[in-house]
């Protein structure tokens, strides 16, 4: 029996309304010792609801008799207000006979497709999944896993960062800088890119214990993680107009990876919550402002119409009108 592991990831379904197939699935994600993926039924599965399931993506890689007791939480993100997001949770055994499980009635399709409902924005639906293994049966010997746990965990996190968030500018920026700049400067035991030295020094000055739990020795990985952390912070420093809900979800996931690697980022999580609140207020304000502008436009139209009527009534009579 192996120790429990957990994972949080985001699935963005683009051009949702144009999907004609009965079901669609996310890119497989490595969780523990195998790959998992989300499966959605855009038109519903035996009901007028969006159906969402979690399933094992590589059954053949698992040994005979494998079992996983999983806690699965899924959220359909409301991109106008996080408080309106829909979430469901379940716990159950996954095995060779039942490799998939989920929620048949995740969200009413009418609510999902509602105009200005917040779930379908610019043709895109966002789903956040959290998977936690509460019990694992049928894997490598526990002692072997224990002795190599730190190395495996670090490699897994690095691979997940590459596979899941690679499309994000956050990762592209880190990889681009790493390729272009070879020299580095030591800051608190981390080889840092010259362009990030000042930022890293400021991080350690305010949060000296941020990397106490980060036990990775490989300098290349240490450099990559620190550069990744700096880029996460720089992303959060963008204006609210530049930051999308998708960006905020990806930053949330990025912080999970950093925590898994041993960084203390609780202060960053609090900052992220504050930014989310400001983003919601901004979006709510924009909705109200658009409504006021629409009312003003209609009022101006009525005003012009009434003005024309008044001028018409007040016009002097012609001689023929009197005679």
C-alpha atoms as a PDB file:
ATOM      1  CA  UNK A   1       0.000   0.000   0.000  1.00  0.00           C
ATOM      2  CA  UNK A   2       1.446   3.387  -0.983  1.00  0.00           C
ATOM      3  CA  UNK A   3       1.093   6.777   0.676  1.00  0.00           C
ATOM      4  CA  UNK A   4      -1.688   9.142  -0.406  1.00  0.00           C
ATOM      5  CA  UNK A   5      -1.068  11.724  -3.110  1.00  0.00           C
ATOM      6  CA  UNK A   6      -3.166  14.598  -4.413  1.00  0.00           C
ATOM      7  CA  UNK A   7      -3.353  16.806  -7.507  1.00  0.00           C
ATOM      8  CA  UNK A   8      -5.218  19.889  -8.712  1.00  0.00           C
ATOM      9  CA  UNK A   9      -5.479  20.809 -12.383  1.00  0.00           C
ATOM     10  CA  UNK A  10      -7.517  22.894 -14.796  1.00  0.00           C
ATOM     11  CA  UNK A  11      -9.267  21.885 -18.025  1.00  0.00           C
ATOM     12  CA  UNK A  12     -10.277  24.599 -20.485  1.00  0.00           C
ATOM     13  CA  UNK A  13     -12.854  23.440 -23.038  1.00  0.00           C
ATOM     14  CA  UNK A  14     -12.638  25.847 -25.959  1.00  0.00           C
ATOM     15  CA  UNK A  15     -15.388  26.322 -28.574  1.00  0.00           C
ATOM     16  CA  UNK A  16     -17.720  24.439 -26.254  1.00  0.00           C
ATOM     17  CA  UNK A  17     -20.909  25.216 -28.183  1.00  0.00           C
ATOM     18  CA  UNK A  18     -19.351  23.877 -31.404  1.00  0.00           C
ATOM     19  CA  UNK A  19     -18.571  20.420 -30.007  1.00  0.00           C
ATOM     20  CA  UNK A  20     -20.693  17.871 -31.874  1.00  0.00           C
ATOM     21  CA  UNK A  21     -19.298  14.665 -30.383  1.00  0.00           C
ATOM     22  CA  UNK A  22     -21.112  12.889 -27.575  1.00  0.00           C
ATOM     23  CA  UNK A  23     -18.124  13.151 -25.252  1.00  0.00           C
ATOM     24  CA  UNK A  24     -14.768  14.891 -25.019  1.00  0.00           C
ATOM     25  CA  UNK A  25     -11.821  14.437 -22.691  1.00  0.00           C
ATOM     26  CA  UNK A  26      -8.912  16.411 -21.245  1.00  0.00           C
ATOM     27  CA  UNK A  27      -5.205  15.798 -21.788  1.00  0.00           C
ATOM     28  CA  UNK A  28      -4.075  12.979 -19.442  1.00  0.00           C
ATOM     29  CA  UNK A  29      -2.497  14.146 -16.186  1.00  0.00           C
ATOM     30  CA  UNK A  30       0.044  12.171 -14.175  1.00  0.00           C
ATOM     31  CA  UNK A  31      -1.240  11.616 -10.632  1.00  0.00           C
ATOM     32  CA  UNK A  32       0.714   9.193  -8.489  1.00  0.00           C
ATOM     33  CA  UNK A  33       1.871   6.287 -10.621  1.00  0.00           C
ATOM     34  CA  UNK A  34      -0.582   6.508 -13.533  1.00  0.00           C
ATOM     35  CA  UNK A  35      -2.406   8.921 -15.836  1.00  0.00           C
ATOM     36  CA  UNK A  36      -5.943  10.228 -15.293  1.00  0.00           C
ATOM     37  CA  UNK A  37      -8.218  12.417 -17.353  1.00  0.00           C
ATOM     38  CA  UNK A  38     -11.571  14.188 -17.203  1.00  0.00           C
ATOM     39  CA  UNK A  39     -14.411  13.160 -19.515  1.00  0.00           C
ATOM     40  CA  UNK A  40     -17.324  15.495 -20.274  1.00  0.00           C
ATOM     41  CA  UNK A  41     -20.633  14.989 -22.068  1.00  0.00           C
ATOM     42  CA  UNK A  42     -21.364  18.473 -23.521  1.00  0.00           C
ATOM     43  CA  UNK A  43     -24.922  17.542 -24.524  1.00  0.00           C
ATOM     44  CA  UNK A  44     -25.595  15.605 -21.320  1.00  0.00           C
ATOM     45  CA  UNK A  45     -25.629  11.909 -20.541  1.00  0.00           C
ATOM     46  CA  UNK A  46     -29.205  10.612 -20.320  1.00  0.00           C
ATOM     47  CA  UNK A  47     -30.251  14.020 -18.921  1.00  0.00           C
ATOM     48  CA  UNK A  48     -30.251  17.754 -19.656  1.00  0.00           C
ATOM     49  CA  UNK A  49     -27.142  18.286 -17.570  1.00  0.00           C
ATOM     50  CA  UNK A  50     -23.441  18.623 -18.298  1.00  0.00           C
ATOM     51  CA  UNK A  51     -21.999  15.301 -17.137  1.00  0.00           C
ATOM     52  CA  UNK A  52     -18.428  15.091 -15.863  1.00  0.00           C
ATOM     53  CA  UNK A  53     -16.324  12.039 -14.961  1.00  0.00           C
ATOM     54  CA  UNK A  54     -12.816  11.133 -13.833  1.00  0.00           C
ATOM     55  CA  UNK A  55     -11.234   8.056 -15.387  1.00  0.00           C
ATOM     56  CA  UNK A  56      -7.921   6.198 -15.587  1.00  0.00           C
ATOM     57  CA  UNK A  57      -6.253   6.961 -18.940  1.00  0.00           C
ATOM     58  CA  UNK A  58      -3.685   4.131 -19.031  1.00  0.00           C
ATOM     59  CA  UNK A  59      -5.207   0.963 -17.596  1.00  0.00           C
ATOM     60  CA  UNK A  60      -2.558  -1.263 -19.199  1.00  0.00           C
ATOM     61  CA  UNK A  61       0.227   0.347 -17.161  1.00  0.00           C
ATOM     62  CA  UNK A  62      -1.293  -0.754 -13.838  1.00  0.00           C
ATOM     63  CA  UNK A  63      -0.665  -4.159 -12.228  1.00  0.00           C
ATOM     64  CA  UNK A  64      -3.371  -6.781 -11.809  1.00  0.00           C
ATOM     65  CA  UNK A  65      -5.540  -6.180  -8.764  1.00  0.00           C
ATOM     66  CA  UNK A  66      -4.876  -2.437  -8.580  1.00  0.00           C
ATOM     67  CA  UNK A  67      -7.293  -0.267  -6.612  1.00  0.00           C
ATOM     68  CA  UNK A  68      -7.419   3.429  -5.752  1.00  0.00           C
ATOM     69  CA  UNK A  69      -9.715   4.968  -3.145  1.00  0.00           C
ATOM     70  CA  UNK A  70     -10.128   8.486  -4.504  1.00  0.00           C
ATOM     71  CA  UNK A  71     -11.587  11.739  -3.258  1.00  0.00           C
ATOM     72  CA  UNK A  72     -12.698  13.629  -6.372  1.00  0.00           C
ATOM     73  CA  UNK A  73     -13.854  17.250  -6.357  1.00  0.00           C
ATOM     74  CA  UNK A  74     -14.910  19.009  -9.567  1.00  0.00           C
ATOM     75  CA  UNK A  75     -15.788  22.678 -10.066  1.00  0.00           C
ATOM     76  CA  UNK A  76     -17.391  24.387 -13.049  1.00  0.00           C
ATOM     77  CA  UNK A  77     -15.833  27.847 -12.786  1.00  0.00           C
ATOM     78  CA  UNK A  78     -18.107  30.862 -13.001  1.00  0.00           C
ATOM     79  CA  UNK A  79     -15.877  33.321 -14.810  1.00  0.00           C
ATOM     80  CA  UNK A  80     -17.832  36.357 -13.585  1.00  0.00           C
ATOM     81  CA  UNK A  81     -17.970  35.424  -9.906  1.00  0.00           C
ATOM     82  CA  UNK A  82     -16.063  32.654  -8.128  1.00  0.00           C
ATOM     83  CA  UNK A  83     -18.841  32.474  -5.535  1.00  0.00           C
ATOM     84  CA  UNK A  84     -21.266  31.258  -8.217  1.00  0.00           C
ATOM     85  CA  UNK A  85     -19.021  28.384  -9.311  1.00  0.00           C
ATOM     86  CA  UNK A  86     -20.657  24.946  -9.087  1.00  0.00           C
ATOM     87  CA  UNK A  87     -18.840  22.202  -7.184  1.00  0.00           C
ATOM     88  CA  UNK A  88     -19.501  18.533  -6.491  1.00  0.00           C
ATOM     89  CA  UNK A  89     -17.460  15.996  -4.539  1.00  0.00           C
ATOM     90  CA  UNK A  90     -17.383  12.219  -4.126  1.00  0.00           C
ATOM     91  CA  UNK A  91     -15.256   9.426  -2.646  1.00  0.00           C
ATOM     92  CA  UNK A  92     -15.105   5.911  -4.064  1.00  0.00           C
ATOM     93  CA  UNK A  93     -12.936   3.015  -5.192  1.00  0.00           C
ATOM     94  CA  UNK A  94     -11.563   2.984  -8.737  1.00  0.00           C
ATOM     95  CA  UNK A  95     -10.378  -0.373 -10.071  1.00  0.00           C
ATOM     96  CA  UNK A  96     -10.118  -2.453 -13.238  1.00  0.00           C
ATOM     97  CA  UNK A  97     -13.885  -3.063 -13.295  1.00  0.00           C
ATOM     98  CA  UNK A  98     -14.784   0.555 -12.512  1.00  0.00           C
ATOM     99  CA  UNK A  99     -11.997   2.786 -13.906  1.00  0.00           C
ATOM    100  CA  UNK A 100     -14.238   5.850 -14.177  1.00  0.00           C
ATOM    101  CA  UNK A 101     -16.693   7.698 -11.955  1.00  0.00           C
ATOM    102  CA  UNK A 102     -18.211  11.143 -11.674  1.00  0.00           C
ATOM    103  CA  UNK A 103     -21.279  13.326 -11.775  1.00  0.00           C
ATOM    104  CA  UNK A 104     -24.135  12.770 -14.224  1.00  0.00           C
ATOM    105  CA  UNK A 105     -25.956  15.955 -13.159  1.00  0.00           C
ATOM    106  CA  UNK A 106     -23.055  18.394 -12.812  1.00  0.00           C
ATOM    107  CA  UNK A 107     -24.787  21.522 -14.152  1.00  0.00           C
ATOM    108  CA  UNK A 108     -28.035  22.175 -16.031  1.00  0.00           C
ATOM    109  CA  UNK A 109     -27.281  22.820 -19.701  1.00  0.00           C
ATOM    110  CA  UNK A 110     -29.686  25.775 -19.746  1.00  0.00           C
ATOM    111  CA  UNK A 111     -27.762  27.351 -16.871  1.00  0.00           C
ATOM    112  CA  UNK A 112     -24.419  26.508 -18.448  1.00  0.00           C
ATOM    113  CA  UNK A 113     -25.343  28.075 -21.803  1.00  0.00           C
ATOM    114  CA  UNK A 114     -27.194  31.078 -20.343  1.00  0.00           C
ATOM    115  CA  UNK A 115     -26.093  34.401 -21.781  1.00  0.00           C
ATOM    116  CA  UNK A 116     -24.081  36.377 -19.211  1.00  0.00           C
ATOM    117  CA  UNK A 117     -24.398  33.408 -16.854  1.00  0.00           C
ATOM    118  CA  UNK A 118     -20.642  33.344 -16.384  1.00  0.00           C
ATOM    119  CA  UNK A 119     -20.072  29.640 -17.104  1.00  0.00           C
ATOM    120  CA  UNK A 120     -19.653  29.968 -20.876  1.00  0.00           C
ATOM    121  CA  UNK A 121     -17.484  32.982 -21.704  1.00  0.00           C
ATOM    122  CA  UNK A 122     -16.002  33.607 -25.157  1.00  0.00           C
ATOM    123  CA  UNK A 123     -16.997  30.062 -26.101  1.00  0.00           C
ATOM    124  CA  UNK A 124     -14.939  28.567 -23.280  1.00  0.00           C
ATOM    125  CA  UNK A 125     -15.868  26.489 -20.234  1.00  0.00           C
ATOM    126  CA  UNK A 126     -13.362  26.114 -17.379  1.00  0.00           C
ATOM    127  CA  UNK A 127     -13.256  23.089 -15.081  1.00  0.00           C
ATOM    128  CA  UNK A 128     -11.008  22.672 -12.044  1.00  0.00           C
ATOM    129  CA  UNK A 129     -10.490  19.164 -10.693  1.00  0.00           C
ATOM    130  CA  UNK A 130      -8.936  18.078  -7.398  1.00  0.00           C
ATOM    131  CA  UNK A 131      -7.957  14.434  -7.001  1.00  0.00           C
ATOM    132  CA  UNK A 132      -6.715  12.941  -3.742  1.00  0.00           C
ATOM    133  CA  UNK A 133      -5.710   9.309  -3.267  1.00  0.00           C
ATOM    134  CA  UNK A 134      -6.882   8.232   0.181  1.00  0.00           C
ATOM    135  CA  UNK A 135      -5.722   4.638  -0.277  1.00  0.00           C
ATOM    136  CA  UNK A 136      -3.589   2.985  -2.958  1.00  0.00           C
ATOM    137  CA  UNK A 137      -3.364  -0.766  -3.645  1.00  0.00           C
ATOM    138  CA  UNK A 138      -1.317  -2.389  -6.386  1.00  0.00           C
ATOM    139  CA  UNK A 139       1.872  -0.380  -6.950  1.00  0.00           C
ATOM    140  CA  UNK A 140       5.609  -0.492  -6.150  1.00  0.00           C
ATOM    141  CA  UNK A 141       6.840  -1.682  -2.763  1.00  0.00           C
ATOM    142  CA  UNK A 142       6.227   0.939  -0.087  1.00  0.00           C
ATOM    143  CA  UNK A 143       9.823   0.969   1.099  1.00  0.00           C
ATOM    144  CA  UNK A 144      11.174   1.583  -2.412  1.00  0.00           C
ATOM    145  CA  UNK A 145       8.761   4.436  -2.883  1.00  0.00           C
ATOM    146  CA  UNK A 146       9.665   5.867   0.506  1.00  0.00           C
ATOM    147  CA  UNK A 147      13.396   5.937  -0.236  1.00  0.00           C
ATOM    148  CA  UNK A 148      12.934   7.639  -3.609  1.00  0.00           C
ATOM    149  CA  UNK A 149       9.889   9.717  -2.704  1.00  0.00           C
ATOM    150  CA  UNK A 150      11.608  13.096  -2.783  1.00  0.00           C
ATOM    151  CA  UNK A 151      13.214  12.565  -6.205  1.00  0.00           C
ATOM    152  CA  UNK A 152      10.040  11.117  -7.731  1.00  0.00           C
ATOM    153  CA  UNK A 153       7.888  13.896  -6.333  1.00  0.00           C
ATOM    154  CA  UNK A 154      10.173  16.608  -7.683  1.00  0.00           C
ATOM    155  CA  UNK A 155      10.378  15.013 -11.128  1.00  0.00           C
ATOM    156  CA  UNK A 156       6.615  14.517 -11.189  1.00  0.00           C
ATOM    157  CA  UNK A 157       5.929  18.136 -10.282  1.00  0.00           C
ATOM    158  CA  UNK A 158       8.397  19.361 -12.906  1.00  0.00           C
ATOM    159  CA  UNK A 159       6.779  17.124 -15.551  1.00  0.00           C
ATOM    160  CA  UNK A 160       3.269  18.240 -14.563  1.00  0.00           C
ATOM    161  CA  UNK A 161       4.286  21.877 -14.808  1.00  0.00           C
ATOM    162  CA  UNK A 162       5.625  21.178 -18.310  1.00  0.00           C
ATOM    163  CA  UNK A 163       2.580  19.168 -19.478  1.00  0.00           C
ATOM    164  CA  UNK A 164      -0.295  21.089 -17.901  1.00  0.00           C
ATOM    165  CA  UNK A 165       0.687  24.736 -17.988  1.00  0.00           C
ATOM    166  CA  UNK A 166       3.085  24.756 -20.928  1.00  0.00           C
ATOM    167  CA  UNK A 167       0.613  26.736 -23.113  1.00  0.00           C
ATOM    168  CA  UNK A 168       0.600  29.443 -20.473  1.00  0.00           C
ATOM    169  CA  UNK A 169       2.887  32.451 -21.043  1.00  0.00           C
ATOM    170  CA  UNK A 170       4.191  31.840 -17.519  1.00  0.00           C
ATOM    171  CA  UNK A 171       6.029  28.666 -18.565  1.00  0.00           C
ATOM    172  CA  UNK A 172       6.941  29.877 -22.044  1.00  0.00           C
ATOM    173  CA  UNK A 173       8.640  32.900 -20.555  1.00  0.00           C
ATOM    174  CA  UNK A 174      10.658  30.767 -18.123  1.00  0.00           C
ATOM    175  CA  UNK A 175      11.810  28.369 -20.857  1.00  0.00           C
ATOM    176  CA  UNK A 176      12.701  31.186 -23.233  1.00  0.00           C
ATOM    177  CA  UNK A 177      14.839  32.970 -20.654  1.00  0.00           C
ATOM    178  CA  UNK A 178      16.524  29.712 -19.615  1.00  0.00           C
ATOM    179  CA  UNK A 179      17.545  29.018 -23.213  1.00  0.00           C
ATOM    180  CA  UNK A 180      18.828  32.513 -23.947  1.00  0.00           C
ATOM    181  CA  UNK A 181      20.746  33.215 -20.738  1.00  0.00           C
ATOM    182  CA  UNK A 182      23.317  30.665 -19.577  1.00  0.00           C
ATOM    183  CA  UNK A 183      25.197  32.575 -16.891  1.00  0.00           C
ATOM    184  CA  UNK A 184      23.653  32.819 -13.419  1.00  0.00           C
ATOM    185  CA  UNK A 185      24.301  34.370  -9.991  1.00  0.00           C
ATOM    186  CA  UNK A 186      24.035  32.629  -6.615  1.00  0.00           C
ATOM    187  CA  UNK A 187      21.323  33.989  -4.318  1.00  0.00           C
ATOM    188  CA  UNK A 188      20.686  32.060  -1.107  1.00  0.00           C
ATOM    189  CA  UNK A 189      21.842  28.803  -2.685  1.00  0.00           C
ATOM    190  CA  UNK A 190      19.895  29.292  -5.944  1.00  0.00           C
ATOM    191  CA  UNK A 191      21.534  29.936  -9.308  1.00  0.00           C
ATOM    192  CA  UNK A 192      19.463  32.869 -10.528  1.00  0.00           C
ATOM    193  CA  UNK A 193      19.164  34.536 -13.922  1.00  0.00           C
ATOM    194  CA  UNK A 194      20.808  38.002 -13.922  1.00  0.00           C
ATOM    195  CA  UNK A 195      17.473  39.613 -14.792  1.00  0.00           C
ATOM    196  CA  UNK A 196      15.850  38.047 -11.710  1.00  0.00           C
ATOM    197  CA  UNK A 197      18.575  38.575  -9.090  1.00  0.00           C
ATOM    198  CA  UNK A 198      16.997  41.687  -7.560  1.00  0.00           C
ATOM    199  CA  UNK A 199      13.539  40.060  -7.448  1.00  0.00           C
ATOM    200  CA  UNK A 200      14.867  36.913  -5.740  1.00  0.00           C
ATOM    201  CA  UNK A 201      16.800  38.964  -3.176  1.00  0.00           C
ATOM    202  CA  UNK A 202      13.652  40.879  -2.313  1.00  0.00           C
ATOM    203  CA  UNK A 203      11.709  37.620  -1.949  1.00  0.00           C
ATOM    204  CA  UNK A 204      14.240  36.190   0.524  1.00  0.00           C
ATOM    205  CA  UNK A 205      14.458  39.487   2.406  1.00  0.00           C
ATOM    206  CA  UNK A 206      10.697  39.487   3.108  1.00  0.00           C
ATOM    207  CA  UNK A 207      10.257  35.694   3.318  1.00  0.00           C
ATOM    208  CA  UNK A 208      13.576  34.173   4.496  1.00  0.00           C
ATOM    209  CA  UNK A 209      11.991  30.756   5.170  1.00  0.00           C
ATOM    210  CA  UNK A 210      10.306  30.401   1.773  1.00  0.00           C
ATOM    211  CA  UNK A 211      12.618  27.573   0.602  1.00  0.00           C
ATOM    212  CA  UNK A 212      13.258  25.815   3.948  1.00  0.00           C
ATOM    213  CA  UNK A 213      11.261  22.782   2.849  1.00  0.00           C
ATOM    214  CA  UNK A 214      12.687  22.698  -0.706  1.00  0.00           C
ATOM    215  CA  UNK A 215      15.177  19.804  -0.532  1.00  0.00           C
ATOM    216  CA  UNK A 216      16.121  19.486  -4.223  1.00  0.00           C
ATOM    217  CA  UNK A 217      19.912  19.426  -4.745  1.00  0.00           C
ATOM    218  CA  UNK A 218      20.096  19.528  -8.547  1.00  0.00           C
ATOM    219  CA  UNK A 219      21.082  23.094  -9.470  1.00  0.00           C
ATOM    220  CA  UNK A 220      19.262  23.013 -12.801  1.00  0.00           C
ATOM    221  CA  UNK A 221      15.970  22.115 -11.091  1.00  0.00           C
ATOM    222  CA  UNK A 222      16.567  24.668  -8.329  1.00  0.00           C
ATOM    223  CA  UNK A 223      17.145  27.361 -10.955  1.00  0.00           C
ATOM    224  CA  UNK A 224      14.016  26.321 -12.878  1.00  0.00           C
ATOM    225  CA  UNK A 225      11.764  26.368  -9.809  1.00  0.00           C
ATOM    226  CA  UNK A 226      13.038  29.758  -8.618  1.00  0.00           C
ATOM    227  CA  UNK A 227      12.556  31.270 -12.077  1.00  0.00           C
ATOM    228  CA  UNK A 228       9.063  29.756 -12.122  1.00  0.00           C
ATOM    229  CA  UNK A 229       8.281  31.351  -8.722  1.00  0.00           C
ATOM    230  CA  UNK A 230       9.426  34.782  -9.917  1.00  0.00           C
ATOM    231  CA  UNK A 231       7.272  34.523 -13.038  1.00  0.00           C
ATOM    232  CA  UNK A 232       4.239  33.554 -10.942  1.00  0.00           C
ATOM    233  CA  UNK A 233       4.706  36.718  -8.870  1.00  0.00           C
ATOM    234  CA  UNK A 234       5.218  38.864 -11.991  1.00  0.00           C
ATOM    235  CA  UNK A 235       1.997  37.457 -13.427  1.00  0.00           C
ATOM    236  CA  UNK A 236       0.114  38.486 -10.276  1.00  0.00           C
ATOM    237  CA  UNK A 237       1.570  42.004 -10.638  1.00  0.00           C
ATOM    238  CA  UNK A 238      -0.236  42.589 -13.918  1.00  0.00           C
ATOM    239  CA  UNK A 239      -3.183  44.966 -14.016  1.00  0.00           C
ATOM    240  CA  UNK A 240      -6.677  43.564 -13.536  1.00  0.00           C
ATOM    241  CA  UNK A 241      -7.429  44.422 -17.169  1.00  0.00           C
ATOM    242  CA  UNK A 242      -4.556  42.170 -18.291  1.00  0.00           C
ATOM    243  CA  UNK A 243      -5.357  39.331 -15.871  1.00  0.00           C
ATOM    244  CA  UNK A 244      -8.095  36.959 -17.015  1.00  0.00           C
ATOM    245  CA  UNK A 245      -9.977  34.441 -14.861  1.00  0.00           C
ATOM    246  CA  UNK A 246      -8.020  31.783 -16.726  1.00  0.00           C
ATOM    247  CA  UNK A 247      -4.752  33.401 -15.590  1.00  0.00           C
ATOM    248  CA  UNK A 248      -5.896  33.383 -11.961  1.00  0.00           C
ATOM    249  CA  UNK A 249      -6.865  29.709 -12.110  1.00  0.00           C
ATOM    250  CA  UNK A 250      -3.473  28.831 -13.589  1.00  0.00           C
ATOM    251  CA  UNK A 251      -1.650  30.849 -10.921  1.00  0.00           C
ATOM    252  CA  UNK A 252      -3.630  28.927  -8.289  1.00  0.00           C
ATOM    253  CA  UNK A 253      -2.489  25.645  -9.834  1.00  0.00           C
ATOM    254  CA  UNK A 254       1.093  26.907 -10.106  1.00  0.00           C
ATOM    255  CA  UNK A 255       1.119  27.675  -6.370  1.00  0.00           C
ATOM    256  CA  UNK A 256      -0.021  24.106  -5.713  1.00  0.00           C
ATOM    257  CA  UNK A 257       2.999  22.793  -7.636  1.00  0.00           C
ATOM    258  CA  UNK A 258       5.335  25.079  -5.665  1.00  0.00           C
ATOM    259  CA  UNK A 259       3.837  23.884  -2.365  1.00  0.00           C
ATOM    260  CA  UNK A 260       4.247  20.261  -3.461  1.00  0.00           C
ATOM    261  CA  UNK A 261       7.923  20.965  -4.153  1.00  0.00           C
ATOM    262  CA  UNK A 262       8.434  22.344  -0.623  1.00  0.00           C
ATOM    263  CA  UNK A 263       8.093  26.126  -0.994  1.00  0.00           C
ATOM    264  CA  UNK A 264       6.195  28.090   1.662  1.00  0.00           C
ATOM    265  CA  UNK A 265       3.810  30.197  -0.405  1.00  0.00           C
ATOM    266  CA  UNK A 266       0.921  30.750   2.016  1.00  0.00           C
ATOM    267  CA  UNK A 267       1.527  34.505   1.753  1.00  0.00           C
ATOM    268  CA  UNK A 268       1.200  34.289  -2.023  1.00  0.00           C
ATOM    269  CA  UNK A 269      -2.075  32.368  -1.697  1.00  0.00           C
ATOM    270  CA  UNK A 270      -3.461  35.193   0.456  1.00  0.00           C
ATOM    271  CA  UNK A 271      -2.341  37.722  -2.157  1.00  0.00           C
ATOM    272  CA  UNK A 272      -4.022  35.644  -4.855  1.00  0.00           C
ATOM    273  CA  UNK A 273      -7.297  35.587  -2.892  1.00  0.00           C
ATOM    274  CA  UNK A 274      -7.101  39.376  -2.645  1.00  0.00           C
ATOM    275  CA  UNK A 275      -6.510  39.705  -6.391  1.00  0.00           C
ATOM    276  CA  UNK A 276      -9.463  37.375  -7.083  1.00  0.00           C
ATOM    277  CA  UNK A 277     -11.722  39.550  -4.929  1.00  0.00           C
ATOM    278  CA  UNK A 278     -10.598  42.676  -6.784  1.00  0.00           C
ATOM    279  CA  UNK A 279     -11.152  40.917 -10.127  1.00  0.00           C
ATOM    280  CA  UNK A 280     -14.697  39.948  -9.130  1.00  0.00           C
ATOM    281  CA  UNK A 281     -15.451  43.515  -8.054  1.00  0.00           C
ATOM    282  CA  UNK A 282     -14.043  44.809 -11.335  1.00  0.00           C
ATOM    283  CA  UNK A 283     -16.157  42.409 -13.386  1.00  0.00           C
ATOM    284  CA  UNK A 284     -19.286  43.129 -11.343  1.00  0.00           C
ATOM    285  CA  UNK A 285     -18.650  46.842 -11.761  1.00  0.00           C
ATOM    286  CA  UNK A 286     -18.239  46.452 -15.520  1.00  0.00           C
ATOM    287  CA  UNK A 287     -21.541  44.585 -15.755  1.00  0.00           C
ATOM    288  CA  UNK A 288     -23.303  47.340 -13.791  1.00  0.00           C
ATOM    289  CA  UNK A 289     -21.579  50.022 -15.885  1.00  0.00           C
ATOM    290  CA  UNK A 290     -22.670  48.343 -19.119  1.00  0.00           C
ATOM    291  CA  UNK A 291     -26.240  48.275 -17.832  1.00  0.00           C
ATOM    292  CA  UNK A 292     -26.110  51.971 -16.935  1.00  0.00           C
ATOM    293  CA  UNK A 293     -24.624  52.833 -20.328  1.00  0.00           C
ATOM    294  CA  UNK A 294     -27.410  50.888 -22.045  1.00  0.00           C
ATOM    295  CA  UNK A 295     -30.044  52.693 -19.990  1.00  0.00           C
ATOM    296  CA  UNK A 296     -28.383  56.019 -20.760  1.00  0.00           C
ATOM    297  CA  UNK A 297     -28.358  55.205 -24.472  1.00  0.00           C
ATOM    298  CA  UNK A 298     -32.074  54.374 -24.369  1.00  0.00           C
ATOM    299  CA  UNK A 299     -32.788  57.517 -22.354  1.00  0.00           C
ATOM    300  CA  UNK A 300     -30.901  59.681 -24.850  1.00  0.00           C
ATOM    301  CA  UNK A 301     -32.893  58.118 -27.680  1.00  0.00           C
ATOM    302  CA  UNK A 302     -36.176  58.886 -25.876  1.00  0.00           C
ATOM    303  CA  UNK A 303     -34.951  62.400 -25.163  1.00  0.00           C
ATOM    304  CA  UNK A 304     -34.181  63.065 -28.828  1.00  0.00           C
ATOM    305  CA  UNK A 305     -37.553  61.660 -29.835  1.00  0.00           C
ATOM    306  CA  UNK A 306     -39.441  63.786 -27.307  1.00  0.00           C
ATOM    307  CA  UNK A 307     -37.388  66.846 -28.311  1.00  0.00           C
ATOM    308  CA  UNK A 308     -38.466  66.375 -31.929  1.00  0.00           C
ATOM    309  CA  UNK A 309     -42.113  66.096 -30.833  1.00  0.00           C
ATOM    310  CA  UNK A 310     -41.897  69.262 -28.720  1.00  0.00           C
ATOM    311  CA  UNK A 311     -40.270  71.243 -31.546  1.00  0.00           C
ATOM    312  CA  UNK A 312     -42.908  69.996 -33.939  1.00  0.00           C
ATOM    313  CA  UNK A 313     -45.749  71.088 -31.636  1.00  0.00           C
ATOM    314  CA  UNK A 314     -44.139  74.484 -31.035  1.00  0.00           C
ATOM    315  CA  UNK A 315     -43.654  75.305 -34.720  1.00  0.00           C
ATOM    316  CA  UNK A 316     -45.637  78.482 -35.882  1.00  0.00           C
ATOM    317  CA  UNK A 317     -48.720  77.955 -38.032  1.00  0.00           C
ATOM    318  CA  UNK A 318     -48.578  78.751 -41.711  1.00  0.00           C
ATOM    319  CA  UNK A 319     -51.024  81.218 -43.310  1.00  0.00           C
ATOM    320  CA  UNK A 320     -52.893  78.393 -45.051  1.00  0.00           C
ATOM    321  CA  UNK A 321     -53.219  76.582 -41.721  1.00  0.00           C
ATOM    322  CA  UNK A 322     -55.048  79.556 -40.228  1.00  0.00           C
ATOM    323  CA  UNK A 323     -57.227  80.369 -43.233  1.00  0.00           C
END
